[in-house]
């Protein structure tokens, strides 16, 4: 974790998709997020895109994904 250059609180926008549909979207100062266990279906690709922001500037997004077993 790095500090914001002007010491603003950094917030993270978590955008979860499964099978092409948004299953959760939330913004919080937490460094993690979670889904309910039934948010994605077997065989679908689950992805989470995280975008940091201090309320004035937005940083680059990062995405992780995995295909759930059938």
Protein backbone atom coordinates (compact mmCIF):
# COMPACT_ATOMS: atom_id res chain seq x y z
CA UNK A 1 0.00 0.00 0.00
CA UNK A 2 1.27 3.49 -0.82
CA UNK A 3 0.21 6.78 0.67
CA UNK A 4 -1.74 9.30 -1.33
CA UNK A 5 0.63 12.21 -2.25
CA UNK A 6 -1.73 14.83 -0.78
CA UNK A 7 -2.78 12.58 2.14
CA UNK A 8 -6.41 12.09 1.04
CA UNK A 9 -8.21 8.89 2.02
CA UNK A 10 -7.94 6.39 -0.81
CA UNK A 11 -11.15 4.60 -1.78
CA UNK A 12 -11.40 1.50 -3.93
CA UNK A 13 -14.20 0.73 -6.39
CA UNK A 14 -14.73 -3.02 -6.60
CA UNK A 15 -16.71 -4.16 -9.66
CA UNK A 16 -17.44 -7.89 -9.79
CA UNK A 17 -18.77 -9.55 -12.94
CA UNK A 18 -19.76 -13.13 -13.64
CA UNK A 19 -20.83 -14.39 -17.04
CA UNK A 20 -20.83 -10.80 -18.34
CA UNK A 21 -23.24 -9.45 -15.72
CA UNK A 22 -22.38 -7.20 -12.77
CA UNK A 23 -22.97 -9.13 -9.54
CA UNK A 24 -21.60 -6.56 -7.08
CA UNK A 25 -20.27 -3.02 -7.21
CA UNK A 26 -19.13 -1.15 -4.12
CA UNK A 27 -16.74 1.65 -3.16
CA UNK A 28 -14.98 1.49 0.19
CA UNK A 29 -11.69 2.31 1.90
CA UNK A 30 -11.15 -1.40 2.60
CA UNK A 31 -8.27 -3.18 0.88
CA UNK A 32 -10.46 -6.21 0.17
CA UNK A 33 -13.99 -7.21 -0.78
CA UNK A 34 -15.95 -10.45 -0.94
CA UNK A 35 -18.97 -12.03 -2.65
CA UNK A 36 -21.72 -14.35 -1.48
CA UNK A 37 -20.91 -17.94 -2.30
CA UNK A 38 -23.75 -18.17 -4.86
CA UNK A 39 -22.95 -14.94 -6.77
CA UNK A 40 -21.43 -16.86 -9.71
CA UNK A 41 -22.52 -20.00 -11.52
CA UNK A 42 -20.35 -23.05 -12.25
CA UNK A 43 -18.45 -22.70 -15.54
CA UNK A 44 -18.69 -18.89 -15.58
CA UNK A 45 -15.72 -16.53 -15.53
CA UNK A 46 -15.68 -14.45 -12.36
CA UNK A 47 -13.75 -11.16 -12.56
CA UNK A 48 -13.03 -8.32 -10.15
CA UNK A 49 -11.88 -4.90 -11.32
CA UNK A 50 -10.48 -2.56 -8.64
CA UNK A 51 -10.00 1.17 -9.23
CA UNK A 52 -8.38 3.41 -6.58
CA UNK A 53 -9.42 7.04 -6.12
CA UNK A 54 -8.81 9.80 -3.59
CA UNK A 55 -11.98 11.61 -4.63
CA UNK A 56 -10.10 13.90 -7.01
CA UNK A 57 -7.81 11.61 -8.99
CA UNK A 58 -8.33 8.04 -10.14
CA UNK A 59 -5.51 5.51 -10.43
CA UNK A 60 -5.20 2.69 -12.95
CA UNK A 61 -7.58 -0.26 -12.59
CA UNK A 62 -6.42 -3.79 -11.89
CA UNK A 63 -8.41 -6.89 -12.83
CA UNK A 64 -8.21 -10.51 -11.74
CA UNK A 65 -10.36 -13.33 -13.10
CA UNK A 66 -10.89 -17.06 -12.87
CA UNK A 67 -13.21 -19.57 -14.49
CA UNK A 68 -15.22 -21.54 -11.95
CA UNK A 69 -15.22 -25.32 -12.29
CA UNK A 70 -18.31 -26.84 -13.90
